[in-house]
C-alpha atoms as a PDB file:
ATOM      1  CA  UNK A   1       0.000   0.000   0.000  1.00  0.00           C
ATOM      2  CA  UNK A   2       1.237   3.506  -0.826  1.00  0.00           C
ATOM      3  CA  UNK A   3       0.603   6.533   1.326  1.00  0.00           C
ATOM      4  CA  UNK A   4       1.894  10.087   1.066  1.00  0.00           C
ATOM      5  CA  UNK A   5       4.108  11.247   3.899  1.00  0.00           C
ATOM      6  CA  UNK A   6       1.693  14.100   4.665  1.00  0.00           C
ATOM      7  CA  UNK A   7      -1.244  11.674   5.016  1.00  0.00           C
ATOM      8  CA  UNK A   8       0.727   9.375   7.313  1.00  0.00           C
ATOM      9  CA  UNK A   9       1.668  12.382   9.442  1.00  0.00           C
ATOM     10  CA  UNK A  10      -2.055  13.230   9.753  1.00  0.00           C
ATOM     11  CA  UNK A  11      -2.625   9.726  11.142  1.00  0.00           C
ATOM     12  CA  UNK A  12       0.245  10.202  13.592  1.00  0.00           C
ATOM     13  CA  UNK A  13      -1.192  13.523  14.797  1.00  0.00           C
ATOM     14  CA  UNK A  14      -4.621  11.907  15.283  1.00  0.00           C
ATOM     15  CA  UNK A  15      -3.043   8.984  17.162  1.00  0.00           C
ATOM     16  CA  UNK A  16      -0.977  11.286  19.418  1.00  0.00           C
ATOM     17  CA  UNK A  17      -3.972  13.565  20.103  1.00  0.00           C
ATOM     18  CA  UNK A  18      -6.123  10.529  21.036  1.00  0.00           C
ATOM     19  CA  UNK A  19      -3.517   8.956  23.325  1.00  0.00           C
ATOM     20  CA  UNK A  20      -3.989   7.095  25.652  1.00  0.00           C
ATOM     21  CA  UNK A  21      -7.149   6.044  23.816  1.00  0.00           C
ATOM     22  CA  UNK A  22      -7.221   4.359  20.416  1.00  0.00           C
ATOM     23  CA  UNK A  23      -7.955   6.566  17.450  1.00  0.00           C
ATOM     24  CA  UNK A  24      -9.809   5.392  14.371  1.00  0.00           C
ATOM     25  CA  UNK A  25     -10.134   6.642  10.807  1.00  0.00           C
ATOM     26  CA  UNK A  26     -10.700   5.881   7.147  1.00  0.00           C
ATOM     27  CA  UNK A  27      -8.241   5.305   4.297  1.00  0.00           C
ATOM     28  CA  UNK A  28      -9.697   6.783   1.098  1.00  0.00           C
ATOM     29  CA  UNK A  29      -8.155   5.973  -2.266  1.00  0.00           C
ATOM     30  CA  UNK A  30      -8.009   3.279  -4.899  1.00  0.00           C
ATOM     31  CA  UNK A  31      -6.736  -0.260  -5.246  1.00  0.00           C
ATOM     32  CA  UNK A  32      -4.568   0.748  -8.222  1.00  0.00           C
ATOM     33  CA  UNK A  33      -0.919  -0.321  -8.001  1.00  0.00           C
ATOM     34  CA  UNK A  34      -1.440  -2.343  -4.832  1.00  0.00           C
ATOM     35  CA  UNK A  35      -3.517   0.280  -3.052  1.00  0.00           C
ATOM     36  CA  UNK A  36      -3.045   4.028  -2.887  1.00  0.00           C
ATOM     37  CA  UNK A  37      -4.237   6.270  -0.071  1.00  0.00           C
ATOM     38  CA  UNK A  38      -5.287   9.672  -1.392  1.00  0.00           C
ATOM     39  CA  UNK A  39      -6.899  10.924   1.816  1.00  0.00           C
ATOM     40  CA  UNK A  40      -7.203   9.992   5.455  1.00  0.00           C
ATOM     41  CA  UNK A  41     -10.343  10.966   7.324  1.00  0.00           C
ATOM     42  CA  UNK A  42     -10.383  10.822  11.128  1.00  0.00           C
ATOM     43  CA  UNK A  43     -13.336   8.858  12.416  1.00  0.00           C
ATOM     44  CA  UNK A  44     -15.278   8.832  15.645  1.00  0.00           C
ATOM     45  CA  UNK A  45     -14.449   6.122  18.155  1.00  0.00           C
ATOM     46  CA  UNK A  46     -17.788   5.172  19.701  1.00  0.00           C
ATOM     47  CA  UNK A  47     -16.179   2.964  22.358  1.00  0.00           C
ATOM     48  CA  UNK A  48     -16.110   5.173  25.447  1.00  0.00           C
ATOM     49  CA  UNK A  49     -15.645   2.341  27.943  1.00  0.00           C
ATOM     50  CA  UNK A  50     -12.236   0.932  26.940  1.00  0.00           C
ATOM     51  CA  UNK A  51      -9.191   2.912  25.898  1.00  0.00           C
ATOM     52  CA  UNK A  52      -7.748  -0.095  24.053  1.00  0.00           C
ATOM     53  CA  UNK A  53     -10.652  -0.572  21.625  1.00  0.00           C
ATOM     54  CA  UNK A  54     -12.416   1.335  18.894  1.00  0.00           C
ATOM     55  CA  UNK A  55     -15.897   1.087  17.473  1.00  0.00           C
ATOM     56  CA  UNK A  56     -16.766   2.597  14.109  1.00  0.00           C
ATOM     57  CA  UNK A  57     -19.920   4.699  13.725  1.00  0.00           C
ATOM     58  CA  UNK A  58     -21.888   2.988  10.901  1.00  0.00           C
ATOM     59  CA  UNK A  59     -23.621   6.248   9.927  1.00  0.00           C
ATOM     60  CA  UNK A  60     -20.244   7.962   9.649  1.00  0.00           C
ATOM     61  CA  UNK A  61     -18.981   5.099   7.471  1.00  0.00           C
ATOM     62  CA  UNK A  62     -21.888   5.535   5.033  1.00  0.00           C
ATOM     63  CA  UNK A  63     -21.282   9.300   4.924  1.00  0.00           C
ATOM     64  CA  UNK A  64     -17.534   8.873   4.263  1.00  0.00           C
ATOM     65  CA  UNK A  65     -18.240   6.210   1.644  1.00  0.00           C
ATOM     66  CA  UNK A  66     -20.618   8.581  -0.200  1.00  0.00           C
ATOM     67  CA  UNK A  67     -18.071  11.423  -0.084  1.00  0.00           C
ATOM     68  CA  UNK A  68     -15.349   9.128  -1.435  1.00  0.00           C
ATOM     69  CA  UNK A  69     -17.632   7.923  -4.240  1.00  0.00           C
ATOM     70  CA  UNK A  70     -18.445  11.508  -5.212  1.00  0.00           C
ATOM     71  CA  UNK A  71     -14.687  12.126  -5.583  1.00  0.00           C
ATOM     72  CA  UNK A  72     -14.222   8.982  -7.697  1.00  0.00           C
ATOM     73  CA  UNK A  73     -12.554   7.126  -4.818  1.00  0.00           C
ATOM     74  CA  UNK A  74     -13.443   4.369  -2.362  1.00  0.00           C
ATOM     75  CA  UNK A  75     -12.795   3.421   1.237  1.00  0.00           C
ATOM     76  CA  UNK A  76      -9.844   1.039   0.821  1.00  0.00           C
ATOM     77  CA  UNK A  77      -9.329   0.495   4.520  1.00  0.00           C
ATOM     78  CA  UNK A  78      -9.094   1.841   8.006  1.00  0.00           C
ATOM     79  CA  UNK A  79      -6.495   3.015  10.454  1.00  0.00           C
ATOM     80  CA  UNK A  80      -6.322   2.922  14.205  1.00  0.00           C
ATOM     81  CA  UNK A  81      -3.740   3.269  16.916  1.00  0.00           C
ATOM     82  CA  UNK A  82      -2.393   0.888  19.524  1.00  0.00           C
ATOM     83  CA  UNK A  83      -1.489   2.911  22.622  1.00  0.00           C
ATOM     84  CA  UNK A  84       1.659   1.479  24.223  1.00  0.00           C
ATOM     85  CA  UNK A  85       1.378  -1.690  22.152  1.00  0.00           C
ATOM     86  CA  UNK A  86       3.024  -2.886  18.896  1.00  0.00           C
ATOM     87  CA  UNK A  87       1.318  -2.292  15.519  1.00  0.00           C
ATOM     88  CA  UNK A  88       0.252  -5.935  15.348  1.00  0.00           C
ATOM     89  CA  UNK A  89      -3.450  -6.837  14.962  1.00  0.00           C
ATOM     90  CA  UNK A  90      -5.188  -8.034  18.085  1.00  0.00           C
ATOM     91  CA  UNK A  91      -7.723 -10.843  18.203  1.00  0.00           C
ATOM     92  CA  UNK A  92     -10.424  -8.153  18.322  1.00  0.00           C
ATOM     93  CA  UNK A  93      -8.971  -6.568  15.159  1.00  0.00           C
ATOM     94  CA  UNK A  94      -9.124  -9.953  13.417  1.00  0.00           C
ATOM     95  CA  UNK A  95     -12.690 -10.621  14.574  1.00  0.00           C
ATOM     96  CA  UNK A  96     -13.965  -7.292  13.183  1.00  0.00           C
ATOM     97  CA  UNK A  97     -11.892  -7.168   9.966  1.00  0.00           C
ATOM     98  CA  UNK A  98     -13.482  -7.074   6.518  1.00  0.00           C
ATOM     99  CA  UNK A  99     -12.087  -8.904   3.517  1.00  0.00           C
ATOM    100  CA  UNK A 100     -10.616  -6.674   0.832  1.00  0.00           C
ATOM    101  CA  UNK A 101      -9.632  -3.851   3.185  1.00  0.00           C
ATOM    102  CA  UNK A 102      -6.301  -2.539   4.414  1.00  0.00           C
ATOM    103  CA  UNK A 103      -5.692  -1.997   8.116  1.00  0.00           C
ATOM    104  CA  UNK A 104      -2.999   0.488   9.067  1.00  0.00           C
ATOM    105  CA  UNK A 105      -2.033   0.340  12.733  1.00  0.00           C
ATOM    106  CA  UNK A 106       0.052   3.092  14.300  1.00  0.00           C
ATOM    107  CA  UNK A 107       1.787   2.205  17.542  1.00  0.00           C
ATOM    108  CA  UNK A 108       1.933   5.096  20.012  1.00  0.00           C
ATOM    109  CA  UNK A 109       4.289   4.862  22.993  1.00  0.00           C
ATOM    110  CA  UNK A 110       4.033   7.445  25.764  1.00  0.00           C
ATOM    111  CA  UNK A 111       2.053   9.729  23.450  1.00  0.00           C
ATOM    112  CA  UNK A 112       4.455   9.566  20.486  1.00  0.00           C
ATOM    113  CA  UNK A 113       3.935   7.612  17.251  1.00  0.00           C
ATOM    114  CA  UNK A 114       6.537   4.881  17.204  1.00  0.00           C
ATOM    115  CA  UNK A 115       5.939   2.279  14.491  1.00  0.00           C
ATOM    116  CA  UNK A 116       3.417   1.432  11.781  1.00  0.00           C
ATOM    117  CA  UNK A 117       2.171  -1.744  10.119  1.00  0.00           C
ATOM    118  CA  UNK A 118      -0.311  -2.448   7.342  1.00  0.00           C
ATOM    119  CA  UNK A 119      -2.342  -5.622   7.245  1.00  0.00           C
ATOM    120  CA  UNK A 120      -5.060  -7.356   5.231  1.00  0.00           C
ATOM    121  CA  UNK A 121      -6.991 -10.569   5.707  1.00  0.00           C
ATOM    122  CA  UNK A 122      -5.573 -13.691   4.110  1.00  0.00           C
ATOM    123  CA  UNK A 123      -7.822 -14.794   1.255  1.00  0.00           C
ATOM    124  CA  UNK A 124      -7.892 -18.485   2.137  1.00  0.00           C
ATOM    125  CA  UNK A 125      -8.023 -20.692   5.179  1.00  0.00           C
ATOM    126  CA  UNK A 126      -8.278 -19.541   8.769  1.00  0.00           C
ATOM    127  CA  UNK A 127      -9.230 -15.903   9.279  1.00  0.00           C
ATOM    128  CA  UNK A 128      -5.872 -14.240   9.861  1.00  0.00           C
ATOM    129  CA  UNK A 129      -3.972 -11.121   8.921  1.00  0.00           C
ATOM    130  CA  UNK A 130      -1.006 -10.961   6.592  1.00  0.00           C
ATOM    131  CA  UNK A 131       1.371  -8.024   6.660  1.00  0.00           C
ATOM    132  CA  UNK A 132       1.371  -5.829   3.564  1.00  0.00           C
ATOM    133  CA  UNK A 133       4.252  -3.698   2.318  1.00  0.00           C
ATOM    134  CA  UNK A 134       3.981   0.011   3.124  1.00  0.00           C
ATOM    135  CA  UNK A 135       5.515   2.531   0.752  1.00  0.00           C
ATOM    136  CA  UNK A 136       5.702   6.125   1.960  1.00  0.00           C
ATOM    137  CA  UNK A 137       5.954   8.557  -0.938  1.00  0.00           C
ATOM    138  CA  UNK A 138       6.168  12.340  -1.325  1.00  0.00           C
ATOM    139  CA  UNK A 139       2.741  12.550  -2.919  1.00  0.00           C
ATOM    140  CA  UNK A 140       0.149  10.476  -4.729  1.00  0.00           C
ATOM    141  CA  UNK A 141      -1.378  12.052  -7.799  1.00  0.00           C
ATOM    142  CA  UNK A 142      -5.007  11.235  -8.476  1.00  0.00           C
ATOM    143  CA  UNK A 143      -5.344  10.049 -12.048  1.00  0.00           C
ATOM    144  CA  UNK A 144      -8.638  10.073 -13.866  1.00  0.00           C
ATOM    145  CA  UNK A 145      -9.494   7.499 -16.501  1.00  0.00           C
ATOM    146  CA  UNK A 146      -9.212   8.867 -20.010  1.00  0.00           C
ATOM    147  CA  UNK A 147     -12.353   8.572 -21.961  1.00  0.00           C
END
């Protein structure tokens, strides 16, 4: 998956601002060239009981999905933070994951972003995550199909 440095920094700011709670957000882009993130949109974490969990607002998801569609893009995945924990999916992350989506996890230690991993569900067998390559680039240019 490719992401522009500026977009990744937005995720880091969201994660640091949310610490010690998990943050959550949307990865907007396309699946061209292995997945390209054109925008990140901070989401609302509805889980107010546990700092180590997030819960997506389904109404917010529909709204973000409509906005992405209007821009000729799609929701290609989600991001969240792991406060004081490695950027490795938890059993809860696996249980709630959707096939065909990327999951970027930003580890935040003592309020500072520390490490990042990108994951997707394996296509066959037991429901499990596989790590995806992450390429950080200067910018991603939105191309429109020629017609």
